[in-house]
N, C-alpha and C. Protein backbone atom coordinates (compact mmCIF):
# COMPACT_ATOMS: atom_id res chain seq x y z
N MET A 1 1.02 -11.50 6.09
CA MET A 1 -0.11 -11.46 5.68
C MET A 1 -1.07 -11.23 4.67
N LEU A 2 -0.24 -11.19 3.17
CA LEU A 2 -0.78 -11.71 2.01
C LEU A 2 0.18 -12.50 1.17
N SER A 3 -1.57 -13.95 0.44
CA SER A 3 -1.18 -14.62 -0.35
C SER A 3 -0.77 -14.27 -1.75
N VAL A 4 0.10 -13.97 -2.45
CA VAL A 4 -0.16 -13.82 -4.45
C VAL A 4 -0.57 -14.93 -4.79
N ILE A 5 -1.42 -15.23 -5.63
CA ILE A 5 -1.15 -16.35 -6.31
C ILE A 5 -1.88 -15.78 -7.95
N ILE A 6 -0.85 -16.48 -8.33
CA ILE A 6 -0.95 -16.33 -10.21
C ILE A 6 -1.64 -17.27 -10.59
N PRO A 7 -2.59 -17.12 -11.75
CA PRO A 7 -2.81 -18.24 -12.60
C PRO A 7 -1.79 -18.36 -13.99
N THR A 8 -1.52 -19.36 -14.20
CA THR A 8 -0.62 -19.60 -15.05
C THR A 8 -0.89 -20.70 -16.13
N PHE A 9 -0.05 -20.48 -17.30
CA PHE A 9 -0.33 -21.19 -18.31
C PHE A 9 0.70 -20.79 -19.52
N ASN A 10 1.63 -21.39 -19.47
CA ASN A 10 2.69 -21.16 -20.60
C ASN A 10 3.15 -19.24 -20.44
N SER A 11 3.34 -18.90 -19.18
CA SER A 11 3.52 -17.35 -18.75
C SER A 11 4.62 -17.39 -18.69
N SER A 12 5.99 -17.98 -18.68
CA SER A 12 7.49 -17.58 -18.97
C SER A 12 8.12 -16.31 -19.27
N THR A 13 7.51 -15.70 -20.15
CA THR A 13 7.79 -14.18 -20.64
C THR A 13 6.65 -13.47 -19.32
N GLU A 14 5.64 -13.58 -18.78
CA GLU A 14 5.02 -12.61 -17.96
C GLU A 14 5.76 -12.50 -16.71
N LEU A 15 6.05 -13.72 -16.40
CA LEU A 15 6.34 -13.89 -14.85
C LEU A 15 7.92 -13.31 -14.76
N GLN A 16 8.85 -13.08 -15.83
CA GLN A 16 9.74 -12.59 -15.89
C GLN A 16 9.40 -11.33 -15.61
N ASP A 17 9.09 -10.60 -16.02
CA ASP A 17 8.00 -9.34 -15.77
C ASP A 17 7.63 -9.03 -14.58
N LEU A 18 6.66 -9.92 -14.30
CA LEU A 18 6.25 -9.91 -12.86
C LEU A 18 6.52 -9.98 -11.46
N LEU A 19 7.23 -11.26 -11.68
CA LEU A 19 7.63 -11.77 -10.27
C LEU A 19 9.12 -10.98 -9.66
N PRO A 20 9.72 -10.31 -10.32
CA PRO A 20 10.41 -9.30 -9.62
C PRO A 20 10.44 -7.83 -9.22
N VAL A 21 8.98 -7.44 -9.95
CA VAL A 21 7.72 -6.22 -8.94
C VAL A 21 7.51 -6.49 -7.67
N LEU A 22 7.35 -7.77 -7.66
CA LEU A 22 6.55 -8.11 -6.12
C LEU A 22 7.69 -8.38 -4.70
N VAL A 23 9.20 -8.47 -5.09
CA VAL A 23 10.24 -8.18 -4.36
C VAL A 23 10.25 -7.16 -3.46
N PRO A 24 10.58 -6.37 -3.75
CA PRO A 24 9.77 -5.09 -2.45
C PRO A 24 9.76 -5.12 -1.88
N ALA A 25 8.43 -6.17 -2.03
CA ALA A 25 7.01 -5.84 -1.16
C ALA A 25 6.85 -7.12 0.02
N ALA A 26 8.03 -8.15 -0.81
CA ALA A 26 8.10 -8.90 -0.03
C ALA A 26 9.22 -9.28 0.96
N VAL A 27 10.17 -8.34 0.89
CA VAL A 27 11.39 -7.81 1.39
C VAL A 27 10.47 -6.28 2.84
N ASP A 28 10.00 -5.40 2.32
CA ASP A 28 8.88 -4.77 3.30
C ASP A 28 7.92 -5.84 4.37
N GLY A 29 8.01 -7.37 4.15
CA GLY A 29 6.53 -8.10 4.71
C GLY A 29 5.55 -8.28 4.57
N LEU A 30 5.02 -7.29 2.82
CA LEU A 30 3.70 -7.57 2.85
C LEU A 30 3.06 -8.62 2.13
N VAL A 31 4.14 -9.51 1.15
CA VAL A 31 4.03 -10.31 0.58
C VAL A 31 5.38 -11.56 1.31
N ARG A 32 4.15 -12.58 1.99
CA ARG A 32 4.29 -13.81 2.99
C ARG A 32 4.68 -15.06 2.06
N GLU A 33 3.61 -14.85 0.91
CA GLU A 33 3.85 -16.20 -0.16
C GLU A 33 3.32 -15.71 -1.56
N VAL A 34 4.30 -16.64 -2.51
CA VAL A 34 3.76 -16.35 -4.07
C VAL A 34 3.05 -17.65 -4.07
N MET A 35 2.42 -18.06 -4.89
CA MET A 35 1.69 -19.75 -5.43
C MET A 35 1.53 -18.85 -7.61
N ALA A 36 1.90 -20.19 -8.45
CA ALA A 36 0.88 -20.13 -9.40
C ALA A 36 0.16 -21.38 -9.44
N ALA A 37 -0.98 -20.97 -9.58
CA ALA A 37 -1.64 -22.23 -9.82
C ALA A 37 -2.08 -22.16 -11.65
N ASP A 38 -1.17 -23.39 -11.55
CA ASP A 38 -0.42 -23.67 -13.69
C ASP A 38 -1.61 -24.67 -13.98
N GLU A 39 -1.87 -24.47 -14.90
CA GLU A 39 -2.65 -25.17 -16.36
C GLU A 39 -2.06 -26.05 -17.20
N GLY A 40 -0.89 -26.73 -16.67
CA GLY A 40 -0.56 -27.34 -17.12
C GLY A 40 0.75 -26.91 -18.69
N SER A 41 1.67 -25.84 -18.16
CA SER A 41 2.66 -25.36 -19.34
C SER A 41 3.64 -26.35 -19.48
N THR A 42 4.03 -26.09 -20.81
CA THR A 42 5.13 -26.43 -21.28
C THR A 42 6.04 -26.35 -21.66
N ASP A 43 6.00 -24.48 -20.91
CA ASP A 43 7.18 -23.70 -21.74
C ASP A 43 7.79 -23.54 -20.23
N PRO A 44 8.68 -22.75 -20.38
CA PRO A 44 9.40 -22.50 -19.33
C PRO A 44 8.77 -22.11 -17.93
N THR A 45 7.73 -21.90 -17.59
CA THR A 45 6.85 -20.69 -16.43
C THR A 45 7.58 -21.94 -15.48
N LEU A 46 7.40 -23.49 -15.14
CA LEU A 46 7.54 -24.19 -13.88
C LEU A 46 9.18 -23.74 -13.40
N MET A 47 10.27 -23.75 -14.61
CA MET A 47 11.77 -23.97 -14.22
C MET A 47 11.45 -22.42 -13.66
N ILE A 48 11.13 -21.09 -13.68
CA ILE A 48 10.86 -19.60 -13.95
C ILE A 48 10.39 -19.73 -12.21
N CYS A 49 9.34 -20.85 -12.20
CA CYS A 49 8.76 -20.88 -10.15
C CYS A 49 9.64 -21.22 -9.43
N ASP A 50 10.40 -22.17 -9.99
CA ASP A 50 10.97 -23.09 -8.98
C ASP A 50 12.24 -22.18 -8.43
N ASP A 51 12.72 -21.39 -9.65
CA ASP A 51 13.62 -20.35 -9.77
C ASP A 51 13.71 -19.53 -8.34
N ALA A 52 12.36 -18.98 -8.72
CA ALA A 52 12.29 -18.11 -8.02
C ALA A 52 11.39 -18.31 -6.83
N GLY A 53 11.44 -19.52 -5.91
CA GLY A 53 10.79 -19.99 -5.17
C GLY A 53 9.25 -19.71 -5.03
N VAL A 54 8.28 -19.79 -5.85
CA VAL A 54 7.10 -20.22 -6.26
C VAL A 54 6.45 -21.32 -6.15
N GLU A 55 5.48 -21.52 -5.01
CA GLU A 55 4.97 -22.89 -5.43
C GLU A 55 4.10 -22.76 -5.97
N VAL A 56 4.25 -24.39 -7.06
CA VAL A 56 3.37 -24.31 -7.95
C VAL A 56 1.99 -25.56 -7.58
N VAL A 57 1.23 -24.93 -7.91
CA VAL A 57 0.13 -26.06 -7.80
C VAL A 57 -0.75 -26.10 -8.95
N THR A 58 -1.22 -27.37 -9.09
CA THR A 58 -1.86 -27.68 -10.51
C THR A 58 -2.86 -28.37 -10.71
N ASP A 59 -4.04 -27.98 -9.44
CA ASP A 59 -4.72 -28.51 -9.11
C ASP A 59 -5.85 -27.36 -8.75
N GLY A 60 -5.39 -26.02 -9.90
CA GLY A 60 -6.83 -25.30 -9.85
C GLY A 60 -6.41 -23.85 -9.19
N ILE A 61 -6.92 -22.97 -9.42
CA ILE A 61 -7.14 -21.33 -8.32
C ILE A 61 -7.49 -22.27 -7.28
N ALA A 62 -8.95 -22.45 -7.37
CA ALA A 62 -9.37 -22.58 -5.86
C ALA A 62 -8.78 -23.98 -4.65
N GLN A 63 -7.90 -24.59 -5.17
CA GLN A 63 -6.57 -25.42 -4.15
C GLN A 63 -5.84 -24.70 -3.99
N ALA A 64 -5.59 -24.12 -4.95
CA ALA A 64 -4.11 -22.73 -4.43
C ALA A 64 -4.86 -21.68 -3.21
N MET A 65 -5.72 -21.43 -3.71
CA MET A 65 -6.22 -20.28 -2.56
C MET A 65 -6.60 -20.97 -1.22
N LYS A 66 -7.48 -22.13 -1.39
CA LYS A 66 -7.34 -22.87 -0.06
C LYS A 66 -6.05 -23.45 0.62
N ARG A 67 -5.06 -23.40 -0.32
CA ARG A 67 -3.46 -24.02 0.28
C ARG A 67 -3.05 -22.59 0.91
N ALA A 68 -3.67 -21.35 0.77
CA ALA A 68 -2.26 -19.82 0.87
C ALA A 68 -2.46 -19.77 2.04
N LYS A 69 -1.69 -19.65 3.12
CA LYS A 69 -1.04 -19.44 4.26
C LYS A 69 -1.43 -18.21 5.63
N GLN A 70 -1.92 -17.41 4.19
CA GLN A 70 -2.13 -15.70 4.47
C GLN A 70 -3.51 -15.46 4.42
N ASP A 71 -4.50 -14.42 5.82
CA ASP A 71 -5.70 -14.56 5.25
C ASP A 71 -5.90 -13.54 4.65
N TRP A 72 -5.12 -12.72 3.72
CA TRP A 72 -5.54 -12.32 2.49
C TRP A 72 -4.99 -12.87 1.38
N ILE A 73 -5.72 -12.66 0.25
CA ILE A 73 -5.16 -13.34 -1.37
C ILE A 73 -4.93 -12.40 -2.27
N LEU A 74 -4.15 -12.25 -3.10
CA LEU A 74 -3.98 -10.90 -4.07
C LEU A 74 -4.14 -12.36 -5.21
N LEU A 75 -4.82 -12.45 -5.93
CA LEU A 75 -4.66 -12.53 -7.47
C LEU A 75 -4.45 -11.67 -8.41
N LEU A 76 -3.42 -12.20 -9.17
CA LEU A 76 -2.53 -11.62 -10.25
C LEU A 76 -2.49 -12.33 -11.83
N PRO A 77 -3.29 -11.41 -12.76
CA PRO A 77 -3.12 -12.52 -13.90
C PRO A 77 -1.60 -12.23 -13.99
N PRO A 78 -1.47 -13.15 -14.52
CA PRO A 78 0.51 -13.22 -14.79
C PRO A 78 0.57 -12.10 -16.42
N ASP A 79 0.02 -10.97 -17.12
CA ASP A 79 0.03 -10.22 -17.29
C ASP A 79 0.23 -8.46 -17.34
N ILE A 80 -0.22 -9.24 -15.93
CA ILE A 80 -0.82 -7.47 -15.26
C ILE A 80 0.40 -6.70 -15.24
N ARG A 81 0.77 -5.60 -15.63
CA ARG A 81 2.22 -4.41 -15.35
C ARG A 81 1.30 -3.68 -14.31
N LEU A 82 1.98 -3.79 -12.68
CA LEU A 82 1.66 -3.25 -11.48
C LEU A 82 2.08 -2.12 -11.20
N THR A 83 1.13 -1.11 -11.09
CA THR A 83 1.38 0.50 -11.11
C THR A 83 2.44 0.61 -10.22
N HIS A 84 3.60 1.52 -10.01
CA HIS A 84 4.49 1.65 -9.03
C HIS A 84 4.53 1.25 -7.41
N ASP A 85 3.26 2.65 -6.99
CA ASP A 85 2.25 2.14 -5.69
C ASP A 85 0.99 1.18 -5.63
N TRP A 86 1.44 -0.12 -6.59
CA TRP A 86 0.59 -1.16 -6.41
C TRP A 86 0.37 -1.86 -4.89
N ALA A 87 1.58 -1.61 -4.12
CA ALA A 87 1.68 -2.12 -2.42
C ALA A 87 1.01 -1.40 -1.74
N ASP A 88 1.01 -0.18 -1.88
CA ASP A 88 0.56 0.85 -0.70
C ASP A 88 -0.79 0.63 -1.21
N ARG A 89 -1.43 0.96 -2.11
CA ARG A 89 -3.19 0.56 -2.36
C ARG A 89 -3.11 -0.93 -1.34
N VAL A 90 -2.62 -1.93 -1.74
CA VAL A 90 -3.26 -3.16 -1.10
C VAL A 90 -3.14 -3.02 0.25
N ALA A 91 -2.27 -2.68 0.83
CA ALA A 91 -1.59 -2.24 2.15
C ALA A 91 -3.06 -1.38 2.62
N ARG A 92 -2.93 -0.66 1.85
CA ARG A 92 -4.02 0.68 2.48
C ARG A 92 -5.69 -0.78 2.42
N GLY A 93 -5.90 -1.10 1.45
CA GLY A 93 -6.97 -2.08 0.66
C GLY A 93 -7.32 -2.97 2.41
N ILE A 94 -6.11 -3.79 2.59
CA ILE A 94 -6.00 -4.65 4.05
C ILE A 94 -6.48 -4.31 5.24
N LYS A 95 -5.81 -2.92 5.13
CA LYS A 95 -5.93 -2.19 6.83
C LYS A 95 -7.41 -1.78 6.52
N GLN A 96 -8.00 -1.64 5.48
CA GLN A 96 -9.44 -1.16 5.57
C GLN A 96 -10.38 -2.14 5.82
N GLY A 97 -9.90 -3.85 5.54
CA GLY A 97 -10.46 -4.45 5.78
C GLY A 97 -11.34 -5.33 4.40
N ARG A 98 -10.90 -3.93 3.15
CA ARG A 98 -11.98 -4.80 2.29
C ARG A 98 -11.19 -5.17 1.01
N SER A 99 -12.40 -6.30 0.39
CA SER A 99 -11.72 -6.62 -1.21
C SER A 99 -11.81 -6.03 -1.83
N ALA A 100 -11.37 -5.91 -2.72
CA ALA A 100 -11.47 -4.74 -3.80
C ALA A 100 -10.18 -5.44 -5.44
N GLY A 101 -10.69 -4.59 -6.40
CA GLY A 101 -9.82 -4.87 -7.37
C GLY A 101 -8.56 -3.91 -7.64
N LEU A 102 -7.81 -4.57 -8.34
CA LEU A 102 -6.33 -3.61 -8.43
C LEU A 102 -6.04 -3.54 -9.84
N LYS A 103 -6.19 -2.38 -9.91
CA LYS A 103 -6.08 -2.01 -12.04
C LYS A 103 -4.47 -2.35 -12.08
N GLY A 104 -4.41 -2.90 -13.60
CA GLY A 104 -2.70 -2.83 -13.38
C GLY A 104 -2.89 -1.38 -14.62
N GLN A 105 -1.32 -1.46 -15.35
CA GLN A 105 -1.11 -0.50 -16.31
C GLN A 105 -1.49 -1.21 -17.33
N SER A 106 -2.00 -0.47 -18.51
CA SER A 106 -2.26 -0.17 -19.91
C SER A 106 -1.25 -0.85 -20.53
N ASP A 107 -0.71 -1.97 -21.45
CA ASP A 107 0.38 -1.68 -22.61
C ASP A 107 0.17 -0.36 -23.67
N GLY A 108 1.11 0.02 -24.28
CA GLY A 108 0.96 0.37 -25.36
C GLY A 108 1.53 1.75 -25.51
N GLY A 109 1.53 2.45 -26.49
CA GLY A 109 2.41 3.69 -27.03
C GLY A 109 1.16 4.83 -27.33
N SER A 110 0.62 4.62 -28.17
CA SER A 110 -0.95 5.63 -28.36
C SER A 110 -1.56 5.75 -27.39
N LEU A 111 -2.56 7.02 -27.44
CA LEU A 111 -3.48 7.49 -26.55
C LEU A 111 -4.28 6.58 -26.30
N LEU A 112 -5.00 6.17 -27.07
CA LEU A 112 -6.12 5.38 -27.40
C LEU A 112 -5.69 3.96 -26.55
N ASP A 113 -4.36 3.46 -26.76
CA ASP A 113 -3.83 2.10 -25.86
C ASP A 113 -3.68 2.64 -24.79
N ARG A 114 -2.88 3.69 -24.41
CA ARG A 114 -3.39 4.20 -22.73
C ARG A 114 -4.61 3.45 -22.03
N LEU A 115 -4.96 4.12 -22.76
CA LEU A 115 -6.51 4.45 -22.41
C LEU A 115 -7.39 3.64 -22.11
N LYS A 116 -7.05 2.30 -22.92
CA LYS A 116 -7.91 1.25 -22.54
C LYS A 116 -7.52 0.70 -20.67
N PRO A 117 -8.59 -0.23 -20.09
CA PRO A 117 -7.58 -0.49 -18.79
C PRO A 117 -6.87 -1.83 -18.98
N GLY A 118 -5.84 -1.81 -18.41
CA GLY A 118 -5.21 -2.97 -18.51
C GLY A 118 -6.25 -4.36 -17.73
N PRO A 119 -5.27 -4.96 -17.61
CA PRO A 119 -5.89 -6.24 -16.39
C PRO A 119 -5.75 -6.05 -15.23
N TRP A 120 -6.76 -6.84 -14.29
CA TRP A 120 -6.83 -6.25 -13.02
C TRP A 120 -6.59 -7.33 -12.24
N GLY A 121 -6.34 -6.94 -11.26
CA GLY A 121 -6.00 -8.26 -9.87
C GLY A 121 -7.78 -8.04 -9.27
N LEU A 122 -7.22 -8.89 -7.87
CA LEU A 122 -8.74 -9.11 -7.16
C LEU A 122 -7.74 -9.74 -5.79
N LEU A 123 -8.32 -8.64 -5.17
CA LEU A 123 -7.89 -8.89 -3.55
C LEU A 123 -8.88 -9.15 -2.81
N VAL A 124 -8.83 -10.55 -1.88
CA VAL A 124 -9.69 -10.83 -1.27
C VAL A 124 -9.59 -11.49 0.36
N ARG A 125 -10.06 -11.47 1.06
CA ARG A 125 -9.77 -12.12 2.74
C ARG A 125 -10.42 -13.63 2.28
N LYS A 126 -9.65 -14.67 2.75
CA LYS A 126 -9.49 -16.18 2.50
C LYS A 126 -11.17 -16.14 3.11
N SER A 127 -11.60 -15.83 4.26
CA SER A 127 -12.74 -15.72 4.85
C SER A 127 -14.04 -15.67 3.98
N GLU A 128 -13.34 -14.77 2.91
CA GLU A 128 -14.93 -14.54 2.17
C GLU A 128 -14.95 -15.32 1.15
N LEU A 129 -14.22 -16.12 0.84
CA LEU A 129 -14.06 -17.22 -0.69
C LEU A 129 -15.30 -18.29 -0.66
N GLY A 130 -16.01 -18.46 1.12
CA GLY A 130 -16.90 -19.65 0.84
C GLY A 130 -16.17 -20.95 0.20
N ASN A 131 -17.12 -21.66 -0.66
CA ASN A 131 -17.25 -22.47 -1.04
C ASN A 131 -16.76 -22.48 -3.17
N LEU A 132 -15.35 -22.47 -3.33
CA LEU A 132 -15.17 -21.81 -4.68
C LEU A 132 -15.39 -23.59 -5.43
N ALA A 133 -15.84 -23.33 -6.68
CA ALA A 133 -15.99 -24.69 -7.63
C ALA A 133 -14.52 -24.64 -7.85
N PRO A 134 -14.15 -26.29 -7.95
CA PRO A 134 -13.36 -26.67 -8.48
C PRO A 134 -12.64 -26.24 -9.13
N ASN A 135 -13.36 -25.74 -10.68
CA ASN A 135 -12.51 -25.34 -11.61
C ASN A 135 -12.95 -23.62 -11.44
N ALA A 136 -13.07 -22.86 -10.99
CA ALA A 136 -13.00 -21.52 -10.15
C ALA A 136 -11.75 -21.08 -11.41
N ASP A 137 -12.16 -19.82 -11.81
CA ASP A 137 -10.72 -18.85 -12.76
C ASP A 137 -11.04 -17.58 -11.96
N LEU A 138 -9.79 -16.82 -12.42
CA LEU A 138 -10.05 -15.77 -12.31
C LEU A 138 -11.06 -15.07 -12.64
N ALA A 139 -11.83 -14.93 -13.78
CA ALA A 139 -13.00 -13.91 -14.42
C ALA A 139 -13.69 -14.33 -13.46
N GLY A 140 -14.27 -15.82 -13.17
CA GLY A 140 -15.54 -16.34 -12.19
C GLY A 140 -15.17 -15.62 -11.28
N LEU A 141 -13.94 -15.59 -10.42
CA LEU A 141 -14.22 -15.37 -9.20
C LEU A 141 -14.23 -13.83 -8.99
N ARG A 142 -13.96 -12.42 -9.95
CA ARG A 142 -14.34 -11.50 -10.08
C ARG A 142 -15.74 -11.20 -10.62
N ARG A 143 -16.73 -12.19 -11.08
CA ARG A 143 -18.08 -12.41 -11.05
C ARG A 143 -18.80 -12.37 -9.80
N GLN A 144 -18.17 -13.20 -9.22
CA GLN A 144 -18.33 -13.90 -7.79
C GLN A 144 -18.52 -12.85 -7.00
N PHE A 145 -17.52 -12.00 -6.90
CA PHE A 145 -17.36 -10.52 -6.36
C PHE A 145 -17.56 -9.79 -6.70
N GLY A 146 -18.73 -9.59 -7.54
CA GLY A 146 -19.41 -8.57 -7.88
C GLY A 146 -18.25 -7.21 -8.37
N ARG A 147 -19.13 -6.17 -8.71
CA ARG A 147 -18.65 -4.58 -9.02
C ARG A 147 -17.73 -4.92 -7.26
N LEU A 148 -16.57 -4.32 -7.22
CA LEU A 148 -15.61 -3.99 -5.93
C LEU A 148 -15.26 -2.92 -6.37
N ALA A 149 -15.32 -2.22 -5.45
CA ALA A 149 -13.77 -0.65 -5.47
C ALA A 149 -12.90 -1.18 -6.14
N THR A 150 -12.23 0.10 -6.68
CA THR A 150 -10.65 0.08 -6.95
C THR A 150 -10.27 -0.01 -5.76
N LEU A 151 -8.94 -0.36 -5.59
CA LEU A 151 -7.92 0.09 -4.52
C LEU A 151 -7.37 1.55 -5.04
N LYS A 152 -7.37 2.80 -4.18
CA LYS A 152 -6.79 3.45 -4.87
C LYS A 152 -5.52 4.04 -3.63
C-alpha cells in the first residue's frame, strides 16, 4: 500500500528514533517498504538501515521514488517526530486519493518551541510524480506539489 522514503545523510541518530515508529504500520500492512535515499553517509546510517531491512538507494530521491514498489509514497525527513495517529491520517489520505502534507511534532519544552511547526512529510501517489529531476530533494518536491492540504 505505501512505500516510505527517508532522505538520509549521517542520520543514524534520527533513524534510531524514526524507524521503530514505522513498525506498527508495517505490521498492520500500511507500510510495505522502507527506503533510504542516502547522500553519502559516513556515520552508522547504512549499518542501521541494513539491520532494519531498509533498502538503501545511493543515487537520489528521484531514483528511490522510481524504484518504489507501492502506488503511494510517503517522504519523511529523518528528523520528523510522527504523532501517535500518523498512520491513521495517512491511511485516510490514501483512501481519499489525495496527496497531502504530514506534519510532525515540534521539539522543545517551552511554549514557543511547541508552537513552531515541526518537520513535514509528503504523501504522494506515484503516478502524480511525472518527470522528476535527478537531483530532486524533499524541499523541491514540496514546492513542486505546491500548497497541499494537511492530513488530519
